[in-house]
């Protein structure tokens, strides 16, 4: 292999690595918190303050009677910015496609809500999208909308049942891998990466 051929191979491989490298999520702990509700000891608000805004949204959840598991039921939401919450799992890609295809457990544009159960003391994930165009009756996902996740747990001590937030992260525009600080790449970057991969494969075949 001559030096020119070696350089072309290295450049194509380096471009592919750069284009497919994961991006970092833009914000950690993005204004997400859990607050005890004024409506009862076992009720909690999951509150999200929108990036760059004074306001935000919340979903009021009710915790069922604890045994080994606890049922979590959304019972009310804000009607300002459109948003939706989804059950999720570690590593799940959460982006516009997920918002449009997955079934949420709570939104402020569609009812009825759905409940789910979690194991007491065992962490679980919820993912959420929020939009800025609150006039829309359904998701109209914009380029700067936040996609984020929260890691929660239900803790029981005596007669007290508490919903706690353990961790969270947010990325704007593209989406995020749940449980990580890795933002999903732009679709255009994936297309370019595909071209680079094809070019590298073609070059290697021709060298054989």
N, C-alpha and C. Protein backbone atom coordinates (compact mmCIF):
# COMPACT_ATOMS: atom_id res chain seq x y z
N UNK A 1 0.85 -1.20 0.00
CA UNK A 1 0.00 0.00 0.00
C UNK A 1 0.89 1.25 0.00
N UNK A 2 0.63 2.19 -0.94
CA UNK A 2 1.43 3.40 -0.95
C UNK A 2 0.88 4.40 0.06
N UNK A 3 1.64 5.47 0.27
CA UNK A 3 1.27 6.45 1.29
C UNK A 3 -0.07 7.12 0.98
N UNK A 4 -0.34 7.39 -0.32
CA UNK A 4 -1.59 8.06 -0.70
C UNK A 4 -2.79 7.17 -0.36
N UNK A 5 -2.69 5.89 -0.68
CA UNK A 5 -3.78 4.96 -0.38
C UNK A 5 -3.99 4.86 1.13
N UNK A 6 -2.88 4.81 1.87
CA UNK A 6 -2.97 4.72 3.32
C UNK A 6 -3.65 5.96 3.89
N UNK A 7 -3.34 7.13 3.35
CA UNK A 7 -3.93 8.38 3.82
C UNK A 7 -5.42 8.42 3.55
N UNK A 8 -5.85 7.98 2.36
CA UNK A 8 -7.27 7.98 2.04
C UNK A 8 -8.03 7.06 2.98
N UNK A 9 -7.48 5.89 3.24
CA UNK A 9 -8.11 4.94 4.15
C UNK A 9 -8.24 5.53 5.55
N UNK A 10 -7.18 6.14 6.03
CA UNK A 10 -7.21 6.73 7.37
C UNK A 10 -8.21 7.87 7.47
N UNK A 11 -8.27 8.71 6.44
CA UNK A 11 -9.19 9.84 6.46
C UNK A 11 -10.64 9.37 6.48
N UNK A 12 -10.97 8.38 5.66
CA UNK A 12 -12.34 7.86 5.65
C UNK A 12 -12.70 7.23 6.99
N UNK A 13 -11.78 6.45 7.56
CA UNK A 13 -12.04 5.81 8.85
C UNK A 13 -12.20 6.85 9.95
N UNK A 14 -11.35 7.88 9.94
CA UNK A 14 -11.43 8.93 10.96
C UNK A 14 -12.74 9.69 10.85
N UNK A 15 -13.16 9.99 9.61
CA UNK A 15 -14.43 10.71 9.40
C UNK A 15 -15.59 9.89 9.93
N UNK A 16 -15.55 8.58 9.71
CA UNK A 16 -16.63 7.72 10.18
C UNK A 16 -16.67 7.69 11.70
N UNK A 17 -15.53 7.63 12.35
CA UNK A 17 -15.49 7.64 13.82
C UNK A 17 -16.03 8.93 14.38
N UNK A 18 -15.64 10.06 13.79
CA UNK A 18 -16.08 11.37 14.27
C UNK A 18 -17.59 11.53 14.10
N UNK A 19 -18.10 11.14 12.93
CA UNK A 19 -19.52 11.33 12.64
C UNK A 19 -20.41 10.46 13.50
N UNK A 20 -19.94 9.28 13.88
CA UNK A 20 -20.76 8.37 14.67
C UNK A 20 -20.49 8.46 16.16
N UNK A 21 -19.57 9.32 16.57
CA UNK A 21 -19.29 9.47 17.99
C UNK A 21 -20.50 10.08 18.69
N UNK A 22 -20.86 9.60 19.89
CA UNK A 22 -22.03 10.13 20.59
C UNK A 22 -21.81 11.56 21.05
N UNK A 23 -22.88 12.36 20.96
CA UNK A 23 -22.83 13.73 21.45
C UNK A 23 -23.25 13.77 22.90
N UNK A 24 -22.73 14.73 23.63
CA UNK A 24 -23.10 14.86 25.03
C UNK A 24 -24.42 15.59 25.16
N UNK A 25 -25.25 15.16 26.11
CA UNK A 25 -26.48 15.88 26.40
C UNK A 25 -26.13 17.28 26.87
N UNK A 26 -26.99 18.23 26.57
CA UNK A 26 -26.65 19.63 26.80
C UNK A 26 -26.79 20.06 28.26
N UNK A 27 -27.75 19.50 28.97
CA UNK A 27 -28.02 19.97 30.31
C UNK A 27 -28.25 18.78 31.24
N UNK A 28 -27.68 18.84 32.42
CA UNK A 28 -27.97 17.85 33.45
C UNK A 28 -28.93 18.45 34.46
N UNK A 29 -29.68 17.56 35.15
CA UNK A 29 -30.69 18.00 36.12
C UNK A 29 -31.45 19.22 35.60
N UNK A 30 -32.24 19.05 34.53
CA UNK A 30 -32.80 20.18 33.78
C UNK A 30 -34.09 20.75 34.33
N UNK A 31 -34.05 21.26 35.55
CA UNK A 31 -35.26 21.85 36.12
C UNK A 31 -36.32 20.83 36.44
N UNK A 32 -35.92 19.57 36.59
CA UNK A 32 -36.87 18.50 36.90
C UNK A 32 -36.82 18.20 38.39
N UNK A 33 -37.98 18.12 39.03
CA UNK A 33 -38.02 17.82 40.44
C UNK A 33 -39.35 17.18 40.83
N UNK A 34 -39.36 16.57 42.00
CA UNK A 34 -40.58 15.99 42.57
C UNK A 34 -40.95 16.79 43.80
N UNK A 35 -42.22 17.21 43.86
CA UNK A 35 -42.69 17.99 45.00
C UNK A 35 -43.91 17.31 45.62
N UNK A 36 -43.98 17.26 46.96
CA UNK A 36 -45.22 16.77 47.58
C UNK A 36 -46.38 17.68 47.19
N UNK A 37 -47.50 17.08 46.86
CA UNK A 37 -48.66 17.85 46.46
C UNK A 37 -49.46 18.29 47.67
N UNK A 38 -50.21 19.35 47.50
CA UNK A 38 -51.07 19.84 48.59
C UNK A 38 -52.34 19.00 48.70
N UNK A 39 -52.54 18.06 47.77
CA UNK A 39 -53.79 17.30 47.72
C UNK A 39 -53.76 16.03 48.55
N UNK A 40 -52.63 15.66 49.11
CA UNK A 40 -52.60 14.45 49.93
C UNK A 40 -51.18 13.98 50.18
N UNK A 41 -50.99 13.18 51.25
CA UNK A 41 -49.65 12.74 51.62
C UNK A 41 -49.03 11.83 50.57
N UNK A 42 -49.87 11.09 49.84
CA UNK A 42 -49.33 10.13 48.87
C UNK A 42 -49.37 10.67 47.45
N UNK A 43 -49.58 11.96 47.28
CA UNK A 43 -49.64 12.57 45.96
C UNK A 43 -48.41 13.44 45.73
N UNK A 44 -47.87 13.37 44.50
CA UNK A 44 -46.65 14.11 44.19
C UNK A 44 -46.75 14.76 42.82
N UNK A 45 -46.18 15.94 42.70
CA UNK A 45 -46.06 16.61 41.42
C UNK A 45 -44.69 16.32 40.84
N UNK A 46 -44.66 15.82 39.60
CA UNK A 46 -43.41 15.75 38.85
C UNK A 46 -43.37 17.02 38.02
N UNK A 47 -42.45 17.92 38.36
CA UNK A 47 -42.43 19.26 37.79
C UNK A 47 -41.24 19.41 36.87
N UNK A 48 -41.47 20.03 35.72
CA UNK A 48 -40.37 20.35 34.81
C UNK A 48 -40.46 21.81 34.40
N UNK A 49 -39.42 22.58 34.73
CA UNK A 49 -39.32 23.97 34.30
C UNK A 49 -38.68 23.99 32.92
N UNK A 50 -39.36 24.60 31.95
CA UNK A 50 -38.86 24.60 30.58
C UNK A 50 -37.56 25.38 30.47
N UNK A 51 -36.57 24.88 29.71
CA UNK A 51 -35.31 25.61 29.53
C UNK A 51 -35.54 26.99 28.96
N UNK A 52 -34.97 27.99 29.62
CA UNK A 52 -35.09 29.37 29.15
C UNK A 52 -36.42 30.02 29.44
N UNK A 53 -37.27 29.37 30.22
CA UNK A 53 -38.60 29.90 30.50
C UNK A 53 -38.81 30.01 32.01
N UNK A 54 -39.78 30.86 32.40
CA UNK A 54 -40.14 30.96 33.81
C UNK A 54 -41.15 29.88 34.20
N UNK A 55 -41.91 29.40 33.22
CA UNK A 55 -42.94 28.41 33.51
C UNK A 55 -42.52 27.02 33.09
N UNK A 56 -43.46 26.10 33.20
CA UNK A 56 -43.18 24.73 32.82
C UNK A 56 -44.44 23.91 32.86
N UNK A 57 -44.30 22.66 33.25
CA UNK A 57 -45.46 21.78 33.30
C UNK A 57 -45.31 20.82 34.46
N UNK A 58 -46.42 20.17 34.81
CA UNK A 58 -46.34 19.17 35.86
C UNK A 58 -47.37 18.08 35.58
N UNK A 59 -47.10 16.92 36.14
CA UNK A 59 -48.09 15.85 36.18
C UNK A 59 -48.23 15.44 37.65
N UNK A 60 -49.47 15.46 38.11
CA UNK A 60 -49.77 15.07 39.48
C UNK A 60 -50.04 13.57 39.51
N UNK A 61 -49.25 12.83 40.30
CA UNK A 61 -49.41 11.38 40.38
C UNK A 61 -49.86 10.97 41.77
N UNK A 62 -50.61 9.90 41.81
CA UNK A 62 -51.10 9.32 43.05
C UNK A 62 -50.43 7.98 43.25
N UNK A 63 -49.91 7.75 44.46
CA UNK A 63 -49.28 6.47 44.77
C UNK A 63 -50.27 5.57 45.49
N UNK A 64 -50.39 4.33 44.98
CA UNK A 64 -51.31 3.38 45.59
C UNK A 64 -50.78 2.82 46.89
N UNK A 65 -51.57 1.95 47.49
CA UNK A 65 -51.17 1.31 48.76
C UNK A 65 -49.95 0.43 48.51
N UNK A 66 -48.87 0.63 49.26
CA UNK A 66 -47.64 -0.14 48.99
C UNK A 66 -47.70 -1.56 49.54
N UNK A 67 -47.29 -2.50 48.72
CA UNK A 67 -46.99 -3.86 49.16
C UNK A 67 -45.56 -4.10 48.72
N UNK A 68 -45.30 -5.10 47.91
CA UNK A 68 -43.99 -5.20 47.28
C UNK A 68 -43.90 -4.25 46.10
N UNK A 69 -45.06 -3.90 45.58
CA UNK A 69 -45.15 -2.96 44.46
C UNK A 69 -46.07 -1.81 44.83
N UNK A 70 -45.97 -0.75 44.03
CA UNK A 70 -46.84 0.41 44.21
C UNK A 70 -47.35 0.84 42.84
N UNK A 71 -48.65 1.09 42.76
CA UNK A 71 -49.22 1.57 41.52
C UNK A 71 -49.10 3.09 41.46
N UNK A 72 -48.65 3.60 40.33
CA UNK A 72 -48.52 5.04 40.11
C UNK A 72 -49.56 5.46 39.08
N UNK A 73 -50.41 6.39 39.46
CA UNK A 73 -51.50 6.82 38.58
C UNK A 73 -51.45 8.32 38.39
N UNK A 74 -51.34 8.81 37.15
CA UNK A 74 -51.45 10.24 36.90
C UNK A 74 -52.90 10.68 37.01
N UNK A 75 -53.15 11.75 37.73
CA UNK A 75 -54.53 12.18 37.95
C UNK A 75 -54.79 13.62 37.49
N UNK A 76 -53.73 14.36 37.16
CA UNK A 76 -53.95 15.72 36.67
C UNK A 76 -52.67 16.21 36.00
N UNK A 77 -52.81 17.18 35.07
CA UNK A 77 -51.67 17.75 34.36
C UNK A 77 -51.92 19.23 34.12
N UNK A 78 -50.85 19.96 33.82
CA UNK A 78 -51.00 21.35 33.39
C UNK A 78 -51.50 21.38 31.95
N UNK A 79 -51.98 22.55 31.53
CA UNK A 79 -52.50 22.67 30.16
C UNK A 79 -51.71 23.72 29.37
N UNK A 80 -50.54 24.07 29.84
CA UNK A 80 -49.74 25.08 29.14
C UNK A 80 -48.95 24.42 28.02
N UNK A 81 -47.64 24.34 28.14
CA UNK A 81 -46.83 23.70 27.11
C UNK A 81 -47.25 22.26 26.91
N UNK A 82 -47.36 21.80 25.67
CA UNK A 82 -47.69 20.39 25.46
C UNK A 82 -46.56 19.49 25.93
N UNK A 83 -46.88 18.38 26.55
CA UNK A 83 -45.84 17.47 27.01
C UNK A 83 -46.43 16.08 27.17
N UNK A 84 -45.56 15.11 27.25
CA UNK A 84 -45.97 13.73 27.45
C UNK A 84 -44.91 12.98 28.23
N UNK A 85 -45.37 12.06 29.08
CA UNK A 85 -44.48 11.21 29.86
C UNK A 85 -44.67 9.76 29.45
N UNK A 86 -43.57 9.02 29.41
CA UNK A 86 -43.57 7.64 28.95
C UNK A 86 -42.78 6.76 29.92
N UNK A 87 -43.27 5.55 30.17
CA UNK A 87 -42.41 4.57 30.83
C UNK A 87 -41.24 4.25 29.92
N UNK A 88 -40.08 4.05 30.51
CA UNK A 88 -38.90 3.83 29.68
C UNK A 88 -37.95 2.88 30.37
N UNK A 89 -36.81 2.67 29.74
CA UNK A 89 -35.79 1.78 30.30
C UNK A 89 -34.41 2.30 29.93
N UNK A 90 -33.42 1.84 30.65
CA UNK A 90 -32.05 2.32 30.44
C UNK A 90 -31.60 2.03 29.00
N UNK A 91 -31.04 3.05 28.36
CA UNK A 91 -30.49 2.90 27.03
C UNK A 91 -31.48 3.08 25.90
N UNK A 92 -32.76 3.24 26.20
CA UNK A 92 -33.76 3.40 25.14
C UNK A 92 -33.55 4.72 24.41
N UNK A 93 -33.51 4.73 23.07
CA UNK A 93 -33.46 5.99 22.34
C UNK A 93 -34.81 6.70 22.47
N UNK A 94 -34.76 7.93 22.94
CA UNK A 94 -36.00 8.69 23.11
C UNK A 94 -35.91 9.96 22.28
N UNK A 95 -36.72 10.03 21.22
CA UNK A 95 -36.67 11.14 20.28
C UNK A 95 -38.06 11.41 19.73
N UNK A 96 -38.13 12.19 18.65
CA UNK A 96 -39.43 12.56 18.06
C UNK A 96 -40.21 11.32 17.63
N UNK A 97 -39.53 10.34 17.08
CA UNK A 97 -40.22 9.12 16.64
C UNK A 97 -40.84 8.39 17.83
N UNK A 98 -40.13 8.36 18.96
CA UNK A 98 -40.66 7.72 20.15
C UNK A 98 -41.90 8.45 20.65
N UNK A 99 -41.85 9.77 20.65
CA UNK A 99 -42.99 10.57 21.09
C UNK A 99 -44.22 10.29 20.24
N UNK A 100 -44.01 10.12 18.94
CA UNK A 100 -45.13 9.95 18.02
C UNK A 100 -45.65 8.52 17.95
N UNK A 101 -44.87 7.54 18.40
CA UNK A 101 -45.28 6.14 18.24
C UNK A 101 -45.55 5.41 19.56
N UNK A 102 -44.88 5.80 20.65
CA UNK A 102 -45.10 5.13 21.92
C UNK A 102 -46.38 5.62 22.58
N UNK A 103 -46.92 4.79 23.48
CA UNK A 103 -48.13 5.17 24.21
C UNK A 103 -47.74 5.83 25.53
N UNK A 104 -48.08 7.09 25.73
CA UNK A 104 -47.70 7.78 26.97
C UNK A 104 -48.60 7.34 28.13
N UNK A 105 -48.09 7.49 29.35
CA UNK A 105 -48.95 7.26 30.49
C UNK A 105 -49.63 8.55 30.93
N UNK A 106 -49.13 9.69 30.46
CA UNK A 106 -49.79 10.96 30.75
C UNK A 106 -49.39 12.00 29.73
N UNK A 107 -50.36 12.74 29.22
CA UNK A 107 -50.13 13.88 28.34
C UNK A 107 -51.13 14.97 28.71
N UNK A 108 -50.92 16.17 28.18
CA UNK A 108 -51.94 17.20 28.39
C UNK A 108 -52.71 17.49 27.11
N UNK A 109 -52.68 16.55 26.15
CA UNK A 109 -53.53 16.71 24.97
C UNK A 109 -54.40 15.48 24.73
N UNK A 110 -54.25 14.45 25.58
CA UNK A 110 -55.01 13.23 25.33
C UNK A 110 -55.30 12.51 26.63
N UNK A 111 -56.51 12.04 26.79
CA UNK A 111 -56.89 11.22 27.93
C UNK A 111 -57.64 10.00 27.39
N UNK A 112 -57.81 8.93 28.15
CA UNK A 112 -57.52 8.82 29.58
C UNK A 112 -56.05 8.54 29.84
N UNK A 113 -55.64 8.74 31.09
CA UNK A 113 -54.30 8.41 31.50
C UNK A 113 -54.19 6.90 31.74
N UNK A 114 -52.98 6.41 31.91
CA UNK A 114 -52.77 5.00 32.22
C UNK A 114 -51.88 4.89 33.45
N UNK A 115 -52.08 3.84 34.22
CA UNK A 115 -51.30 3.60 35.44
C UNK A 115 -50.25 2.52 35.19
N UNK A 116 -49.26 2.46 36.04
CA UNK A 116 -48.28 1.39 35.99
C UNK A 116 -47.77 1.12 37.40
N UNK A 117 -47.20 -0.05 37.60
CA UNK A 117 -46.71 -0.44 38.92
C UNK A 117 -45.19 -0.59 38.91
N UNK A 118 -44.58 -0.24 40.04
CA UNK A 118 -43.14 -0.38 40.19
C UNK A 118 -42.85 -1.10 41.49
N UNK A 119 -41.67 -1.70 41.57
CA UNK A 119 -41.24 -2.38 42.79
C UNK A 119 -40.71 -1.36 43.79
N UNK A 120 -41.15 -1.48 45.03
CA UNK A 120 -40.72 -0.54 46.07
C UNK A 120 -39.20 -0.58 46.20
N UNK A 121 -38.58 0.60 46.19
CA UNK A 121 -37.13 0.71 46.38
C UNK A 121 -36.31 0.45 45.14
N UNK A 122 -36.96 0.04 44.04
CA UNK A 122 -36.22 -0.28 42.82
C UNK A 122 -36.33 0.87 41.82
N UNK A 123 -35.22 1.42 41.35
CA UNK A 123 -35.28 2.57 40.43
C UNK A 123 -36.00 2.23 39.12
N UNK A 124 -36.67 3.23 38.57
CA UNK A 124 -37.32 3.08 37.27
C UNK A 124 -37.16 4.39 36.51
N UNK A 125 -37.38 4.32 35.19
CA UNK A 125 -37.16 5.48 34.33
C UNK A 125 -38.47 5.96 33.70
N UNK A 126 -38.58 7.27 33.61
CA UNK A 126 -39.62 7.93 32.82
C UNK A 126 -38.94 8.88 31.85
N UNK A 127 -39.43 8.91 30.64
CA UNK A 127 -38.90 9.83 29.63
C UNK A 127 -39.99 10.82 29.26
N UNK A 128 -39.59 12.03 28.89
CA UNK A 128 -40.58 13.06 28.58
C UNK A 128 -40.10 13.96 27.46
N UNK A 129 -41.06 14.44 26.71
CA UNK A 129 -40.84 15.48 25.70
C UNK A 129 -41.72 16.66 26.07
N UNK A 130 -41.24 17.86 25.81
CA UNK A 130 -42.05 19.05 26.02
C UNK A 130 -41.90 19.98 24.82
N UNK A 131 -42.98 20.63 24.43
CA UNK A 131 -42.96 21.54 23.29
C UNK A 131 -43.26 22.97 23.72
N UNK A 132 -42.93 23.91 22.86
CA UNK A 132 -43.13 25.32 23.17
C UNK A 132 -44.40 25.89 22.55
N UNK A 133 -44.98 25.20 21.57
CA UNK A 133 -46.17 25.72 20.90
C UNK A 133 -47.41 25.19 21.60
N UNK A 134 -47.83 25.86 22.68
CA UNK A 134 -48.90 25.32 23.50
C UNK A 134 -50.29 25.48 22.88
N UNK A 135 -50.37 26.09 21.68
CA UNK A 135 -51.66 26.17 20.99
C UNK A 135 -52.00 24.87 20.29
N UNK A 136 -51.02 23.99 20.11
CA UNK A 136 -51.26 22.74 19.39
C UNK A 136 -51.97 21.73 20.28
N UNK A 137 -53.01 21.04 19.75
CA UNK A 137 -53.71 20.04 20.54
C UNK A 137 -52.98 18.71 20.59
N UNK A 138 -51.89 18.56 19.83
CA UNK A 138 -51.13 17.33 19.82
C UNK A 138 -49.67 17.66 19.54
N UNK A 139 -48.76 16.71 19.68
CA UNK A 139 -47.34 17.08 19.56
C UNK A 139 -46.98 17.63 18.18
N UNK A 140 -46.35 18.78 18.19
CA UNK A 140 -45.77 19.40 17.00
C UNK A 140 -44.32 19.67 17.36
N UNK A 141 -43.47 18.71 17.10
CA UNK A 141 -42.12 18.71 17.65
C UNK A 141 -41.23 19.67 16.88
N UNK A 142 -40.62 20.61 17.61
CA UNK A 142 -39.77 21.61 17.01
C UNK A 142 -38.29 21.29 17.19
N UNK A 143 -37.42 22.01 16.48
CA UNK A 143 -35.98 21.71 16.50
C UNK A 143 -35.30 21.97 17.84
N UNK A 144 -35.89 22.82 18.67
CA UNK A 144 -35.26 23.12 19.95
C UNK A 144 -35.98 22.54 21.15
N UNK A 145 -36.89 21.60 20.92
CA UNK A 145 -37.66 21.03 22.02
C UNK A 145 -36.80 20.12 22.90
N UNK A 146 -37.06 20.10 24.20
CA UNK A 146 -36.28 19.24 25.09
C UNK A 146 -36.81 17.82 25.16
N UNK A 147 -35.88 16.87 25.14
CA UNK A 147 -36.16 15.46 25.41
C UNK A 147 -35.36 15.11 26.66
N UNK A 148 -36.00 14.52 27.63
CA UNK A 148 -35.28 14.28 28.88
C UNK A 148 -35.81 13.03 29.58
N UNK A 149 -35.08 12.60 30.58
CA UNK A 149 -35.49 11.44 31.36
C UNK A 149 -35.25 11.71 32.83
N UNK A 150 -36.00 11.00 33.66
CA UNK A 150 -35.79 11.03 35.09
C UNK A 150 -35.70 9.61 35.62
N UNK A 151 -34.82 9.40 36.56
CA UNK A 151 -34.69 8.12 37.25
C UNK A 151 -35.34 8.30 38.63
N UNK A 152 -36.36 7.53 38.90
CA UNK A 152 -37.16 7.69 40.10
C UNK A 152 -37.15 6.41 40.93
N UNK A 153 -37.65 6.52 42.15
CA UNK A 153 -37.88 5.35 42.99
C UNK A 153 -39.00 5.68 43.97
N UNK A 154 -39.74 4.68 44.37
CA UNK A 154 -40.74 4.82 45.43
C UNK A 154 -40.17 4.22 46.70
N UNK A 155 -40.11 5.03 47.74
CA UNK A 155 -39.57 4.57 49.02
C UNK A 155 -40.68 4.56 50.07
N UNK A 156 -40.67 3.55 50.91
CA UNK A 156 -41.68 3.40 51.95
C UNK A 156 -40.98 3.31 53.30
N UNK A 157 -41.38 4.17 54.21
CA UNK A 157 -40.85 4.14 55.59
C UNK A 157 -42.03 4.33 56.54
N UNK A 158 -42.36 3.28 57.27
CA UNK A 158 -43.52 3.33 58.14
C UNK A 158 -44.79 3.50 57.33
N UNK A 159 -45.52 4.57 57.62
CA UNK A 159 -46.75 4.87 56.89
C UNK A 159 -46.53 5.86 55.76
N UNK A 160 -45.29 6.27 55.56
CA UNK A 160 -44.98 7.28 54.54
C UNK A 160 -44.51 6.62 53.25
N UNK A 161 -45.16 6.96 52.16
CA UNK A 161 -44.75 6.51 50.83
C UNK A 161 -44.30 7.73 50.04
N UNK A 162 -43.09 7.68 49.51
CA UNK A 162 -42.49 8.86 48.89
C UNK A 162 -41.97 8.54 47.50
N UNK A 163 -42.21 9.44 46.57
CA UNK A 163 -41.63 9.36 45.24
C UNK A 163 -40.40 10.27 45.21
N UNK A 164 -39.26 9.72 44.84
CA UNK A 164 -38.02 10.51 44.84
C UNK A 164 -37.40 10.49 43.45
N UNK A 165 -36.75 11.60 43.12
CA UNK A 165 -36.00 11.72 41.87
C UNK A 165 -34.53 11.45 42.17
N UNK A 166 -33.93 10.48 41.46
CA UNK A 166 -32.55 10.10 41.71
C UNK A 166 -31.57 10.74 40.75
N UNK A 167 -31.99 10.94 39.51
CA UNK A 167 -31.07 11.47 38.49
C UNK A 167 -31.89 11.92 37.29
N UNK A 168 -31.28 12.71 36.42
CA UNK A 168 -31.97 13.16 35.21
C UNK A 168 -30.97 13.77 34.25
N UNK A 169 -31.36 13.86 32.99
CA UNK A 169 -30.56 14.54 31.98
C UNK A 169 -31.47 14.97 30.84
N UNK A 170 -31.00 15.94 30.06
CA UNK A 170 -31.81 16.53 29.01
C UNK A 170 -30.94 16.83 27.80
N UNK A 171 -31.53 16.68 26.62
CA UNK A 171 -30.91 17.11 25.37
C UNK A 171 -31.98 17.79 24.53
N UNK A 172 -31.62 18.82 23.81
CA UNK A 172 -32.58 19.53 22.98
C UNK A 172 -32.39 19.18 21.51
N UNK A 173 -33.52 19.08 20.82
CA UNK A 173 -33.50 18.97 19.38
C UNK A 173 -33.49 17.58 18.79
N UNK A 174 -32.65 16.68 19.29
CA UNK A 174 -32.51 15.39 18.64
C UNK A 174 -33.08 14.25 19.45
N UNK A 175 -32.89 14.27 20.73
CA UNK A 175 -33.30 13.18 21.59
C UNK A 175 -32.15 12.75 22.48
N UNK A 176 -32.39 11.72 23.28
CA UNK A 176 -31.41 11.30 24.26
C UNK A 176 -31.57 9.81 24.53
N UNK A 177 -30.46 9.16 24.89
CA UNK A 177 -30.52 7.77 25.34
C UNK A 177 -30.86 7.78 26.83
N UNK A 178 -31.97 7.17 27.17
CA UNK A 178 -32.47 7.20 28.55
C UNK A 178 -31.44 6.60 29.50
N UNK A 179 -31.25 7.29 30.62
CA UNK A 179 -30.31 6.83 31.64
C UNK A 179 -28.89 7.27 31.41
N UNK A 180 -28.65 7.99 30.31
CA UNK A 180 -27.29 8.43 29.98
C UNK A 180 -27.28 9.94 29.74
N UNK A 181 -26.09 10.47 29.53
CA UNK A 181 -25.95 11.87 29.12
C UNK A 181 -25.60 11.98 27.65
N UNK A 182 -25.95 10.96 26.88
CA UNK A 182 -25.62 10.91 25.46
C UNK A 182 -26.82 11.33 24.62
N UNK A 183 -26.65 12.40 23.85
CA UNK A 183 -27.70 12.87 22.96
C UNK A 183 -27.69 12.06 21.67
N UNK A 184 -28.85 11.87 21.07
CA UNK A 184 -28.92 11.20 19.78
C UNK A 184 -28.32 12.11 18.71
N UNK A 185 -27.64 11.54 17.71
CA UNK A 185 -27.08 12.37 16.64
C UNK A 185 -28.16 12.92 15.73
N UNK A 186 -27.83 14.02 15.05
CA UNK A 186 -28.73 14.59 14.05
C UNK A 186 -28.93 13.59 12.91
N UNK A 187 -30.15 13.50 12.36
CA UNK A 187 -30.37 12.60 11.22
C UNK A 187 -29.45 12.88 10.04
N UNK A 188 -29.13 14.17 9.82
CA UNK A 188 -28.23 14.51 8.72
C UNK A 188 -26.84 13.97 8.96
N UNK A 189 -26.40 13.93 10.21
CA UNK A 189 -25.09 13.38 10.54
C UNK A 189 -25.06 11.88 10.30
N UNK A 190 -26.19 11.20 10.59
CA UNK A 190 -26.26 9.77 10.33
C UNK A 190 -26.17 9.49 8.84
N UNK A 191 -26.81 10.36 8.03
CA UNK A 191 -26.75 10.17 6.58
C UNK A 191 -25.33 10.33 6.07
N UNK A 192 -24.63 11.35 6.57
CA UNK A 192 -23.25 11.58 6.16
C UNK A 192 -22.36 10.42 6.61
N UNK A 193 -22.63 9.92 7.82
CA UNK A 193 -21.86 8.79 8.32
C UNK A 193 -22.07 7.57 7.44
N UNK A 194 -23.30 7.38 6.96
CA UNK A 194 -23.58 6.26 6.06
C UNK A 194 -22.81 6.37 4.76
N UNK A 195 -22.72 7.59 4.23
CA UNK A 195 -21.96 7.82 3.00
C UNK A 195 -20.47 7.52 3.23
N UNK A 196 -19.96 7.97 4.38
CA UNK A 196 -18.54 7.72 4.69
C UNK A 196 -18.27 6.23 4.85
N UNK A 197 -19.20 5.51 5.49
CA UNK A 197 -19.02 4.07 5.67
C UNK A 197 -19.04 3.36 4.32
N UNK A 198 -19.96 3.77 3.45
CA UNK A 198 -20.05 3.15 2.12
C UNK A 198 -18.79 3.43 1.31
N UNK A 199 -18.29 4.67 1.41
CA UNK A 199 -17.08 5.03 0.67
C UNK A 199 -15.88 4.22 1.15
N UNK A 200 -15.78 4.04 2.46
CA UNK A 200 -14.67 3.26 3.02
C UNK A 200 -14.76 1.80 2.59
N UNK A 201 -15.98 1.25 2.61
CA UNK A 201 -16.15 -0.15 2.19
C UNK A 201 -15.82 -0.32 0.71
N UNK A 202 -16.26 0.63 -0.13
CA UNK A 202 -15.96 0.56 -1.56
C UNK A 202 -14.47 0.65 -1.82
N UNK A 203 -13.81 1.56 -1.11
CA UNK A 203 -12.36 1.74 -1.29
C UNK A 203 -11.61 0.47 -0.93
N UNK A 204 -12.04 -0.18 0.18
CA UNK A 204 -11.35 -1.40 0.61
C UNK A 204 -11.57 -2.53 -0.38
N UNK A 205 -12.78 -2.62 -0.96
CA UNK A 205 -13.04 -3.67 -1.95
C UNK A 205 -12.17 -3.49 -3.19
N UNK A 206 -12.00 -2.23 -3.59
CA UNK A 206 -11.21 -1.96 -4.78
C UNK A 206 -9.72 -2.23 -4.56
N UNK A 207 -9.30 -2.17 -3.29
CA UNK A 207 -7.88 -2.40 -2.99
C UNK A 207 -7.54 -3.88 -2.98
N UNK A 208 -8.58 -4.75 -2.92
CA UNK A 208 -8.32 -6.20 -2.85
C UNK A 208 -7.95 -6.76 -4.22
